[in-house]
Amino acid sequence: MLRHRIGTIVTMAGMAILASPLLAMAQEAAGAAGEGAPLRAGLIAIAANIGIGIAAFGSALGQGRMAASAMESIGRNPNSAGQIFVPMIIGLAFIEALTLYALVIAFFLQAKI
């Protein structure tokens, strides 16, 4: 019961942290040189860093699962190594490309500061 409540509180706090940069960007037209400019810059920086962290974590999980599945398949049927290796490398490249897209988006967010 207690773990469920703690999990709910952590989830709510995480959602609030992730939603706050969206609120900061909605007020962009109100005045960039106003009182909220340092807060807005800080929230954009936090959003960029959290985005890169989530992208890197998801990419690492995806690459790990793909490599583990490929190695397990090759271990079960060593004759199919040639047929498994090329699609695995292509899949790893696609996963890595998604991480690089997140990095580019983070750079664009950092440029707004």
C-alpha atoms as a PDB file:
ATOM      1  CA  MET A   1       0.000   0.000   0.000  1.00  0.00           C
ATOM      2  CA  LEU A   2       2.772   2.382   0.959  1.00  0.00           C
ATOM      3  CA  ARG A   3       4.805   1.502  -2.159  1.00  0.00           C
ATOM      4  CA  HIS A   4       1.761   2.223  -4.317  1.00  0.00           C
ATOM      5  CA  ARG A   5       1.355   5.671  -2.758  1.00  0.00           C
ATOM      6  CA  ILE A   6       5.042   6.471  -3.129  1.00  0.00           C
ATOM      7  CA  GLY A   7       4.914   5.336  -6.753  1.00  0.00           C
ATOM      8  CA  THR A   8       1.903   7.560  -7.371  1.00  0.00           C
ATOM      9  CA  ILE A   9       3.639  10.559  -5.783  1.00  0.00           C
ATOM     10  CA  VAL A  10       6.820  10.000  -7.803  1.00  0.00           C
ATOM     11  CA  THR A  11       4.775   9.642 -11.006  1.00  0.00           C
ATOM     12  CA  MET A  12       2.859  12.847 -10.318  1.00  0.00           C
ATOM     13  CA  ALA A  13       6.078  14.749  -9.547  1.00  0.00           C
ATOM     14  CA  GLY A  14       7.677  13.432 -12.742  1.00  0.00           C
ATOM     15  CA  MET A  15       4.688  14.476 -14.813  1.00  0.00           C
ATOM     16  CA  ALA A  16       4.767  17.946 -13.257  1.00  0.00           C
ATOM     17  CA  ILE A  17       8.479  18.297 -14.038  1.00  0.00           C
ATOM     18  CA  LEU A  18       7.983  17.173 -17.637  1.00  0.00           C
ATOM     19  CA  ALA A  19       4.938  19.432 -18.145  1.00  0.00           C
ATOM     20  CA  SER A  20       6.537  22.601 -16.748  1.00  0.00           C
ATOM     21  CA  PRO A  21       8.751  23.303 -19.819  1.00  0.00           C
ATOM     22  CA  LEU A  22       5.639  23.139 -21.993  1.00  0.00           C
ATOM     23  CA  LEU A  23       4.077  25.887 -19.891  1.00  0.00           C
ATOM     24  CA  ALA A  24       7.240  27.956 -20.200  1.00  0.00           C
ATOM     25  CA  MET A  25       7.197  27.675 -23.991  1.00  0.00           C
ATOM     26  CA  ALA A  26       3.523  28.674 -24.139  1.00  0.00           C
ATOM     27  CA  GLN A  27       4.425  32.035 -22.616  1.00  0.00           C
ATOM     28  CA  GLU A  28       7.094  32.796 -25.198  1.00  0.00           C
ATOM     29  CA  ALA A  29       5.084  35.558 -26.885  1.00  0.00           C
ATOM     30  CA  ALA A  30       4.408  37.298 -23.558  1.00  0.00           C
ATOM     31  CA  GLY A  31       7.895  38.782 -23.512  1.00  0.00           C
ATOM     32  CA  ALA A  32      11.282  37.144 -23.654  1.00  0.00           C
ATOM     33  CA  ALA A  33      13.007  39.993 -21.801  1.00  0.00           C
ATOM     34  CA  GLY A  34      10.486  40.049 -18.951  1.00  0.00           C
ATOM     35  CA  GLU A  35      10.772  38.724 -15.416  1.00  0.00           C
ATOM     36  CA  GLY A  36      10.359  35.063 -16.422  1.00  0.00           C
ATOM     37  CA  ALA A  37      13.264  34.943 -18.904  1.00  0.00           C
ATOM     38  CA  PRO A  38      15.789  33.279 -16.531  1.00  0.00           C
ATOM     39  CA  LEU A  39      13.164  30.778 -15.370  1.00  0.00           C
ATOM     40  CA  ARG A  40      12.214  30.018 -18.968  1.00  0.00           C
ATOM     41  CA  ALA A  41      15.861  29.467 -19.918  1.00  0.00           C
ATOM     42  CA  GLY A  42      16.361  27.145 -16.972  1.00  0.00           C
ATOM     43  CA  LEU A  43      13.257  25.124 -17.805  1.00  0.00           C
ATOM     44  CA  ILE A  44      14.344  24.766 -21.427  1.00  0.00           C
ATOM     45  CA  ALA A  45      17.762  23.549 -20.287  1.00  0.00           C
ATOM     46  CA  ILE A  46      16.157  21.027 -17.926  1.00  0.00           C
ATOM     47  CA  ALA A  47      13.809  19.840 -20.682  1.00  0.00           C
ATOM     48  CA  ALA A  48      16.702  19.342 -23.099  1.00  0.00           C
ATOM     49  CA  ASN A  49      18.705  17.382 -20.541  1.00  0.00           C
ATOM     50  CA  ILE A  50      15.765  15.203 -19.513  1.00  0.00           C
ATOM     51  CA  GLY A  51      14.973  14.548 -23.178  1.00  0.00           C
ATOM     52  CA  ILE A  52      18.518  13.415 -23.908  1.00  0.00           C
ATOM     53  CA  GLY A  53      18.504  11.221 -20.809  1.00  0.00           C
ATOM     54  CA  ILE A  54      15.254   9.517 -21.786  1.00  0.00           C
ATOM     55  CA  ALA A  55      16.440   9.040 -25.376  1.00  0.00           C
ATOM     56  CA  ALA A  56      19.771   7.570 -24.284  1.00  0.00           C
ATOM     57  CA  PHE A  57      18.098   5.257 -21.764  1.00  0.00           C
ATOM     58  CA  GLY A  58      15.523   4.039 -24.295  1.00  0.00           C
ATOM     59  CA  SER A  59      18.168   3.569 -26.953  1.00  0.00           C
ATOM     60  CA  ALA A  60      20.369   1.580 -24.586  1.00  0.00           C
ATOM     61  CA  LEU A  61      17.461  -0.674 -23.639  1.00  0.00           C
ATOM     62  CA  GLY A  62      16.509  -1.232 -27.272  1.00  0.00           C
ATOM     63  CA  GLN A  63      20.039  -1.962 -28.393  1.00  0.00           C
ATOM     64  CA  GLY A  64      20.634  -4.307 -25.480  1.00  0.00           C
ATOM     65  CA  ARG A  65      17.473  -6.284 -26.136  1.00  0.00           C
ATOM     66  CA  MET A  66      18.183  -6.491 -29.859  1.00  0.00           C
ATOM     67  CA  ALA A  67      21.754  -7.680 -29.370  1.00  0.00           C
ATOM     68  CA  ALA A  68      20.687 -10.189 -26.703  1.00  0.00           C
ATOM     69  CA  SER A  69      17.969 -11.600 -28.944  1.00  0.00           C
ATOM     70  CA  ALA A  70      20.354 -11.861 -31.878  1.00  0.00           C
ATOM     71  CA  MET A  71      23.008 -13.609 -29.810  1.00  0.00           C
ATOM     72  CA  GLU A  72      20.410 -16.005 -28.404  1.00  0.00           C
ATOM     73  CA  SER A  73      19.172 -16.786 -31.914  1.00  0.00           C
ATOM     74  CA  ILE A  74      22.691 -17.371 -33.176  1.00  0.00           C
ATOM     75  CA  GLY A  75      23.391 -19.558 -30.139  1.00  0.00           C
ATOM     76  CA  ARG A  76      20.379 -21.721 -30.915  1.00  0.00           C
ATOM     77  CA  ASN A  77      21.089 -21.949 -34.632  1.00  0.00           C
ATOM     78  CA  PRO A  78      24.710 -21.073 -35.495  1.00  0.00           C
ATOM     79  CA  ASN A  79      24.103 -21.625 -39.220  1.00  0.00           C
ATOM     80  CA  SER A  80      21.783 -18.598 -39.352  1.00  0.00           C
ATOM     81  CA  ALA A  81      24.420 -16.113 -38.113  1.00  0.00           C
ATOM     82  CA  GLY A  82      24.795 -14.542 -41.561  1.00  0.00           C
ATOM     83  CA  GLN A  83      21.048 -14.081 -41.932  1.00  0.00           C
ATOM     84  CA  ILE A  84      20.662 -12.517 -38.477  1.00  0.00           C
ATOM     85  CA  PHE A  85      23.738 -10.280 -38.407  1.00  0.00           C
ATOM     86  CA  VAL A  86      22.859  -7.821 -41.208  1.00  0.00           C
ATOM     87  CA  PRO A  87      19.266  -7.065 -40.067  1.00  0.00           C
ATOM     88  CA  MET A  88      20.585  -6.664 -36.508  1.00  0.00           C
ATOM     89  CA  ILE A  89      23.162  -4.066 -37.616  1.00  0.00           C
ATOM     90  CA  ILE A  90      20.524  -2.192 -39.635  1.00  0.00           C
ATOM     91  CA  GLY A  91      18.165  -2.210 -36.644  1.00  0.00           C
ATOM     92  CA  LEU A  92      20.918  -0.933 -34.360  1.00  0.00           C
ATOM     93  CA  ALA A  93      21.609   1.896 -36.807  1.00  0.00           C
ATOM     94  CA  PHE A  94      17.917   2.892 -36.797  1.00  0.00           C
ATOM     95  CA  ILE A  95      17.834   2.892 -32.999  1.00  0.00           C
ATOM     96  CA  GLU A  96      20.982   5.014 -32.871  1.00  0.00           C
ATOM     97  CA  ALA A  97      19.482   7.421 -35.435  1.00  0.00           C
ATOM     98  CA  LEU A  98      16.527   8.053 -33.117  1.00  0.00           C
ATOM     99  CA  THR A  99      18.948   8.956 -30.329  1.00  0.00           C
ATOM    100  CA  LEU A 100      20.781  11.342 -32.638  1.00  0.00           C
ATOM    101  CA  TYR A 101      17.468  13.003 -33.555  1.00  0.00           C
ATOM    102  CA  ALA A 102      16.845  13.575 -29.839  1.00  0.00           C
ATOM    103  CA  LEU A 103      20.326  15.103 -29.560  1.00  0.00           C
ATOM    104  CA  VAL A 104      19.591  17.487 -32.435  1.00  0.00           C
ATOM    105  CA  ILE A 105      16.295  18.516 -30.823  1.00  0.00           C
ATOM    106  CA  ALA A 106      18.121  19.152 -27.551  1.00  0.00           C
ATOM    107  CA  PHE A 107      20.622  21.356 -29.391  1.00  0.00           C
ATOM    108  CA  PHE A 108      17.737  23.331 -30.902  1.00  0.00           C
ATOM    109  CA  LEU A 109      16.240  23.761 -27.430  1.00  0.00           C
ATOM    110  CA  GLN A 110      19.589  24.911 -26.062  1.00  0.00           C
ATOM    111  CA  ALA A 111      19.796  27.477 -28.873  1.00  0.00           C
ATOM    112  CA  LYS A 112      16.563  29.067 -27.571  1.00  0.00           C
ATOM    113  CA  ILE A 113      18.266  30.012 -24.300  1.00  0.00           C
END
